[in-house]
Protein backbone atom coordinates (compact mmCIF):
# COMPACT_ATOMS: atom_id res chain seq x y z
CA MET A 1 0.00 0.00 0.00
CA SER A 2 2.43 2.60 -1.22
CA ARG A 3 1.95 6.31 -1.82
CA ASP A 4 5.41 6.40 -3.42
CA ALA A 5 4.45 3.68 -5.90
CA VAL A 6 1.29 5.58 -6.89
CA ARG A 7 3.32 8.78 -7.30
CA ASP A 8 5.88 7.00 -9.48
CA ALA A 9 3.14 5.44 -11.60
CA ILE A 10 1.61 8.84 -12.31
CA LEU A 11 4.97 10.44 -13.06
CA GLY A 12 5.84 7.61 -15.43
CA ALA A 13 2.61 7.73 -17.43
CA SER A 14 1.93 9.60 -20.66
CA ARG A 15 -1.87 9.36 -20.41
CA VAL A 16 -3.82 9.36 -17.14
CA THR A 17 -7.47 8.32 -16.93
CA VAL A 18 -8.95 8.89 -13.46
CA ILE A 19 -12.03 6.80 -12.75
CA CYS A 20 -14.71 7.65 -10.17
CA HIS A 21 -16.93 5.18 -8.39
CA GLU A 22 -20.54 4.78 -9.48
CA ASN A 23 -22.98 7.48 -8.32
CA PRO A 24 -20.11 9.93 -7.81
CA ASP A 25 -19.96 12.06 -4.69
CA ALA A 26 -17.69 15.00 -3.91
CA ASP A 27 -14.84 12.82 -2.65
CA THR A 28 -14.43 10.62 -5.70
CA LEU A 29 -15.11 13.50 -8.10
CA GLY A 30 -12.86 15.97 -6.27
CA SER A 31 -10.00 13.46 -6.15
CA ALA A 32 -10.40 12.69 -9.84
CA LEU A 33 -10.60 16.30 -10.97
CA ALA A 34 -7.58 17.25 -8.88
CA LEU A 35 -5.49 14.42 -10.29
CA ARG A 36 -6.55 15.29 -13.83
CA MET A 37 -5.46 18.92 -13.36
CA ALA A 38 -2.18 17.85 -11.77
CA ALA A 39 -1.45 15.39 -14.59
CA GLU A 40 -2.15 18.02 -17.24
CA ARG A 41 0.20 20.44 -15.52
CA LEU A 42 2.85 17.75 -15.78
CA GLY A 43 2.34 17.80 -19.55
CA LYS A 44 0.32 14.59 -19.72
CA GLN A 45 -2.97 13.85 -21.41
CA ALA A 46 -5.62 13.30 -18.77
CA GLU A 47 -9.35 12.73 -18.37
CA VAL A 48 -11.95 11.95 -15.71
CA VAL A 49 -14.45 9.12 -16.17
CA ALA A 50 -17.64 8.48 -14.20
CA ALA A 51 -20.34 6.06 -15.29
CA ASP A 52 -23.12 8.05 -13.60
CA PRO A 53 -23.98 11.77 -13.81
CA VAL A 54 -22.34 14.42 -11.66
CA PRO A 55 -24.78 15.41 -8.85
CA PRO A 56 -26.36 18.87 -9.22
CA SER A 57 -24.60 20.12 -6.10
CA LEU A 58 -21.21 19.47 -7.72
CA VAL A 59 -21.72 20.65 -11.30
CA GLY A 60 -20.11 23.99 -10.45
CA LEU A 61 -16.75 22.45 -9.53
CA PRO A 62 -13.90 23.29 -11.91
CA HIS A 63 -13.97 20.99 -14.97
CA ALA A 64 -16.93 18.96 -13.64
CA ASP A 65 -18.64 19.56 -16.99
CA GLU A 66 -15.84 17.68 -18.78
CA VAL A 67 -16.34 14.27 -17.15
CA HIS A 68 -16.77 11.37 -19.62
CA VAL A 69 -18.91 8.28 -19.14
CA SER A 70 -16.19 6.02 -20.57
CA PRO A 71 -12.47 6.40 -21.39
CA ARG A 72 -11.57 8.33 -24.54
CA LEU A 73 -7.79 8.22 -24.23
CA GLU A 74 -5.87 5.16 -25.35
CA ALA A 75 -5.20 2.99 -22.31
CA ASP A 76 -2.11 3.81 -20.25
CA LEU A 77 -2.57 4.54 -16.53
CA ALA A 78 -6.00 4.16 -14.92
CA VAL A 79 -6.25 5.69 -11.46
CA VAL A 80 -9.34 4.48 -9.60
CA VAL A 81 -10.23 6.82 -6.74
CA ASP A 82 -12.36 6.44 -3.59
CA GLY A 83 -13.18 2.79 -4.04
CA PRO A 84 -11.94 -0.36 -5.78
CA LEU A 85 -12.34 -0.99 -9.50
CA SER A 86 -15.42 -3.13 -8.82
CA ARG A 87 -17.27 -0.01 -7.60
CA THR A 88 -16.95 1.86 -10.91
CA GLY A 89 -20.25 0.53 -12.21
CA ALA A 90 -20.64 0.53 -15.99
CA VAL A 91 -16.93 1.30 -16.43
CA VAL A 92 -15.80 -2.06 -15.08
CA ARG A 93 -18.74 -3.85 -16.73
CA ASP A 94 -18.44 -2.33 -20.20
CA CYS A 95 -14.78 -1.34 -20.62
CA GLY A 96 -13.08 -4.64 -19.89
CA ALA A 97 -10.89 -4.63 -23.01
CA TRP A 98 -9.68 -1.10 -22.27
CA LEU A 99 -8.95 -1.95 -18.64
CA GLU A 100 -6.97 -5.03 -19.67
CA ARG A 101 -4.61 -2.76 -21.62
CA ALA A 102 -4.30 -0.23 -18.78
CA ARG A 103 -2.13 -0.25 -15.66
CA VAL A 104 -4.64 0.13 -12.83
CA VAL A 105 -3.68 1.89 -9.61
CA ASN A 106 -5.99 2.64 -6.72
CA ILE A 107 -6.21 5.47 -4.16
CA ASP A 108 -8.80 4.98 -1.44
CA HIS A 109 -9.59 5.54 2.23
CA HIS A 110 -12.15 2.78 2.76
CA ILE A 111 -11.07 0.13 5.25
CA SER A 112 -12.97 -2.53 3.31
CA ASN A 113 -10.65 -2.10 0.30
CA ASP A 114 -7.76 -4.58 0.41
CA GLY A 115 -6.18 -3.15 -2.75
CA SER A 116 -6.21 -6.49 -4.55
CA GLU A 117 -8.01 -5.17 -7.63
CA ALA A 118 -5.12 -2.93 -8.68
CA LEU A 119 -1.51 -3.30 -9.74
CA VAL A 120 -0.57 -0.70 -7.14
CA ALA A 121 -2.81 0.49 -4.31
CA TRP A 122 -2.55 3.15 -1.63
CA VAL A 123 -5.29 2.68 0.97
CA ASP A 124 -5.25 4.85 4.09
CA ALA A 125 -8.17 4.12 6.40
CA ASP A 126 -7.03 6.90 8.73
CA ALA A 127 -7.82 9.51 6.08
CA ALA A 128 -11.23 11.15 6.37
CA ALA A 129 -11.49 11.38 2.60
CA THR A 130 -9.62 10.30 -0.49
CA CYS A 131 -9.30 14.02 -1.23
CA GLU A 132 -7.23 14.31 1.95
CA MET A 133 -4.83 11.72 0.52
CA VAL A 134 -4.68 13.36 -2.90
CA ALA A 135 -3.97 16.72 -1.26
CA MET A 136 -0.86 15.13 0.28
CA LEU A 137 0.11 13.40 -2.98
CA ILE A 138 -0.05 16.29 -5.45
CA PRO A 139 2.86 18.30 -3.97
CA GLU A 140 4.95 15.13 -4.23
CA LEU A 141 4.27 15.19 -7.98
CA GLY A 142 5.95 18.59 -8.08
CA ILE A 143 2.67 20.47 -8.58
CA LYS A 144 1.63 23.43 -6.46
CA ILE A 145 -1.96 23.31 -5.28
CA ASP A 146 -3.75 26.32 -6.75
CA VAL A 147 -7.28 27.60 -6.17
CA GLN A 148 -8.92 25.20 -8.64
CA ILE A 149 -7.26 22.09 -7.24
CA ALA A 150 -7.86 23.32 -3.69
CA THR A 151 -11.54 23.86 -4.43
CA VAL A 152 -12.26 20.35 -5.72
CA LEU A 153 -10.26 18.72 -2.92
CA THR A 154 -12.02 20.76 -0.24
CA ALA A 155 -15.38 19.68 -1.65
CA GLY A 156 -14.51 16.03 -1.05
CA ILE A 157 -13.31 16.65 2.48
CA VAL A 158 -16.38 18.75 3.30
CA GLN A 159 -18.75 16.04 2.12
CA ASP A 160 -16.99 13.09 3.72
CA THR A 161 -16.64 14.85 7.09
CA HIS A 162 -19.96 16.71 6.93
CA THR A 163 -17.92 19.92 7.19
CA PHE A 164 -15.70 18.50 9.95
CA SER A 165 -18.56 17.40 12.19
CA HIS A 166 -17.99 13.64 11.82
CA PRO A 167 -15.50 11.84 14.09
CA ASN A 168 -13.37 10.88 11.07
CA ALA A 169 -12.05 14.46 10.92
CA THR A 170 -8.60 14.17 12.51
CA PRO A 171 -6.00 16.84 13.27
CA ARG A 172 -4.34 15.91 9.97
CA THR A 173 -7.63 16.39 8.14
CA LEU A 174 -7.97 19.87 9.61
CA ARG A 175 -4.38 20.77 8.75
CA VAL A 176 -4.84 19.60 5.16
CA ALA A 177 -8.11 21.52 4.88
CA ALA A 178 -6.52 24.67 6.34
CA ASP A 179 -3.81 24.52 3.67
CA LEU A 180 -6.47 24.15 0.96
CA VAL A 181 -8.41 27.14 2.28
CA GLU A 182 -5.16 29.12 2.39
CA ALA A 183 -4.66 28.18 -1.28
CA GLY A 184 -8.01 29.79 -2.05
CA ALA A 185 -10.71 27.13 -1.60
CA PRO A 186 -14.04 28.90 -0.82
CA LEU A 187 -15.04 26.79 2.18
CA ALA A 188 -18.32 28.56 2.96
CA SER A 189 -19.66 28.41 -0.59
CA ILE A 190 -18.61 24.76 -0.96
CA HIS A 191 -20.49 23.86 2.22
CA ARG A 192 -23.56 25.73 1.00
CA SER A 193 -23.48 24.10 -2.44
CA ILE A 194 -23.32 20.60 -0.95
CA TYR A 195 -25.58 20.98 2.08
CA ALA A 196 -27.84 24.00 1.65
CA ASP A 197 -28.59 25.01 -1.95
CA LYS A 198 -31.26 22.48 -2.89
CA PRO A 199 -33.90 22.85 -5.62
CA PHE A 200 -37.52 22.54 -4.55
CA SER A 201 -37.87 19.26 -6.46
CA MET A 202 -35.17 17.72 -4.27
CA LEU A 203 -36.92 18.89 -1.10
CA ALA A 204 -40.17 17.45 -2.44
CA LEU A 205 -38.44 14.09 -2.96
CA TRP A 206 -36.91 14.21 0.52
CA GLY A 207 -40.36 14.93 1.96
CA ARG A 208 -41.77 11.81 0.36
CA ILE A 209 -38.86 9.69 1.56
CA LEU A 210 -39.07 11.09 5.09
CA ALA A 211 -42.81 10.52 5.25
CA GLY A 212 -42.18 6.79 4.91
CA ALA A 213 -39.42 6.56 7.51
CA ALA A 214 -39.79 3.82 10.12
CA GLU A 215 -37.99 2.51 13.18
CA LEU A 216 -37.24 -0.92 14.61
CA HIS A 217 -35.66 -2.35 17.73
CA ASP A 218 -36.88 0.47 20.01
CA GLY A 219 -35.62 3.11 17.61
CA ARG A 220 -32.09 1.74 17.31
CA ILE A 221 -32.70 1.05 13.61
CA VAL A 222 -34.18 3.83 11.47
CA HIS A 223 -34.81 3.31 7.78
CA ALA A 224 -36.47 4.91 4.77
CA SER A 225 -36.80 4.08 1.11
CA MET A 226 -36.80 5.92 -2.21
CA THR A 227 -38.86 4.40 -5.00
CA LEU A 228 -38.85 4.98 -8.73
CA ALA A 229 -42.41 6.29 -8.35
CA MET A 230 -41.15 9.01 -6.00
CA LEU A 231 -38.61 10.09 -8.60
CA ALA A 232 -41.30 10.27 -11.26
CA GLU A 233 -43.69 12.21 -9.00
CA THR A 234 -41.05 14.85 -8.21
CA ALA A 235 -39.36 14.90 -11.64
CA THR A 236 -35.99 14.16 -10.05
CA GLU A 237 -33.07 11.86 -10.80
CA PRO A 238 -31.61 9.31 -8.34
CA VAL A 239 -28.76 11.70 -7.49
CA ALA A 240 -31.34 13.93 -5.78
CA SER A 241 -31.28 11.54 -2.81
CA GLU A 242 -27.61 12.38 -2.18
CA GLY A 243 -27.26 13.68 1.37
CA PHE A 244 -30.61 12.44 2.65
CA ILE A 245 -28.98 9.67 4.67
CA ASP A 246 -27.15 12.31 6.74
CA LEU A 247 -30.46 13.93 7.62
CA LEU A 248 -31.93 10.59 8.63
CA ALA A 249 -28.82 9.75 10.65
CA SER A 250 -29.47 12.75 12.88
CA THR A 251 -32.13 10.66 14.65
CA LYS A 252 -30.97 10.73 18.27
CA ALA A 253 -31.51 7.12 19.37
CA ALA A 254 -30.51 5.39 16.14
CA ASP A 255 -27.49 3.10 16.08
CA ILE A 256 -28.14 2.05 12.46
CA THR A 257 -29.67 4.31 9.82
CA LEU A 258 -30.44 3.09 6.31
CA LEU A 259 -31.71 4.51 3.04
CA PHE A 260 -32.95 1.97 0.49
CA LYS A 261 -33.00 3.20 -3.11
CA GLU A 262 -34.92 1.31 -5.78
CA ALA A 263 -32.64 1.07 -8.82
CA ASP A 264 -35.00 -1.05 -10.90
CA ALA A 265 -37.52 -3.84 -10.39
CA SER A 266 -34.82 -6.30 -9.34
CA GLN A 267 -32.13 -4.22 -7.64
CA ALA A 268 -31.81 -1.86 -4.68
CA ARG A 269 -28.93 0.26 -3.46
CA VAL A 270 -28.43 0.73 0.27
CA SER A 271 -26.66 3.48 2.22
CA VAL A 272 -25.83 2.76 5.85
CA ARG A 273 -24.73 5.01 8.69
CA THR A 274 -24.01 3.80 12.22
CA SER A 275 -23.15 5.10 15.65
CA ALA A 276 -20.18 3.74 17.59
CA ASN A 277 -22.50 0.94 18.71
CA ALA A 278 -22.57 -0.83 15.32
CA ASP A 279 -20.33 -1.50 12.32
CA ALA A 280 -21.65 -0.41 8.92
CA VAL A 281 -19.11 -2.56 7.06
CA ALA A 282 -20.22 -5.66 8.94
CA ILE A 283 -23.72 -5.07 7.57
CA THR A 284 -22.85 -4.20 3.96
CA SER A 285 -20.12 -6.82 3.54
CA ALA A 286 -22.81 -9.49 3.88
CA PHE A 287 -24.07 -8.23 0.50
CA GLY A 288 -20.74 -7.62 -1.20
CA GLY A 289 -20.54 -3.96 -0.22
CA GLY A 290 -18.05 -1.99 1.83
CA GLY A 291 -17.00 1.37 3.19
CA HIS A 292 -16.18 2.55 6.71
CA ALA A 293 -17.25 1.41 10.14
CA ARG A 294 -19.56 4.44 10.39
CA ALA A 295 -20.61 4.77 6.72
CA ALA A 296 -20.94 2.09 4.07
CA GLY A 297 -23.07 0.94 1.17
CA CYS A 298 -24.04 -2.06 -0.93
CA THR A 299 -26.20 -3.16 -3.83
CA VAL A 300 -28.71 -5.99 -3.36
CA ASP A 301 -29.94 -7.89 -6.40
CA ALA A 302 -33.53 -8.21 -5.27
CA PRO A 303 -36.79 -6.22 -5.46
CA LEU A 304 -36.92 -3.34 -3.01
CA ALA A 305 -39.16 -5.06 -0.44
CA ASP A 306 -37.02 -8.21 -0.43
CA ALA A 307 -33.80 -6.20 -0.21
CA MET A 308 -35.18 -4.27 2.75
CA ALA A 309 -36.14 -7.44 4.59
CA ARG A 310 -32.75 -9.06 4.03
CA VAL A 311 -30.70 -6.03 5.03
CA LEU A 312 -32.84 -5.22 8.07
CA ASP A 313 -32.40 -8.81 9.25
CA GLU A 314 -28.64 -8.31 8.98
CA CYS A 315 -28.96 -5.09 10.97
CA GLU A 316 -30.69 -6.99 13.75
CA ARG A 317 -27.83 -9.51 13.72
CA GLU A 318 -25.25 -6.71 13.88
CA LEU A 319 -26.96 -5.16 16.89
CA ALA A 320 -26.97 -8.56 18.58
CA ARG A 321 -23.24 -8.94 17.82
CA ALA A 322 -22.54 -5.44 19.09
CA ASP A 323 -24.49 -6.02 22.29
CA ALA A 324 -22.62 -9.30 22.83
CA ARG A 325 -19.36 -7.36 22.49
CA GLY A 326 -20.57 -5.04 25.22
CA ARG A 327 -21.01 -1.91 23.13
């Protein structure tokens, strides 16, 4: 798990394709955009790829309008950020021939990532965000962090720490963020874009989701679901649910908070947040997912109702395990 090896791979490449995970958030997108800008300033060809659309709250980030849905450069170095290659959605499913020709490296902060899907991997579970790691890497490439790079990196840190309110924000995270703000990142406007400036259609969707929220196990499990019908009723896209899980997780007594999202008639995506009394990875890993102890996700190949039943059963088991451990 070597930062030096990742640095050397980037320096040695002629073409750099940075790949985001599916349903990109600010951390994967900010990391990718920053690396693209750094690579271009080193005189390399570079691009950012994301299988799914950029969320509305992030479209104003520098170069966010130039993200491709699949690689356009001839394969050379593929840098997968904020998750393993298997989390890149349609990229890993549809671009197999391209990926076979590329040298794949991985930069991630999720403890569930063992780095085995890449030629070289740098995984730092102590980092609050992959953007925190990239902020430390870019100066080692010989590139000065300017206002554009600082802006996209700050966005990732803001989202993954909920503007430094989550316990994953360490002294190092704050020092890195302070350097980015000193370089010109507009912290207040980034926070507002991600957490405050929401179109009415998004609030209408959130209202429908919240109206169906329920609790189990004396309030220790709180869950809600987003259906395709809700999206149609509010004329919104799936990305409009981004951030709702953090609202739901503010429930005082909840140890496990879940948002179930209907992807189609036979698949559901699940976002999980936990208190210190439960492990989100222990829940999502049962379905092939991953993430952090406090925040994780998975995809369940089942209709929404079946997926909910299966995951909620696993949540009950995790609470029983946690109670047995004396949490």
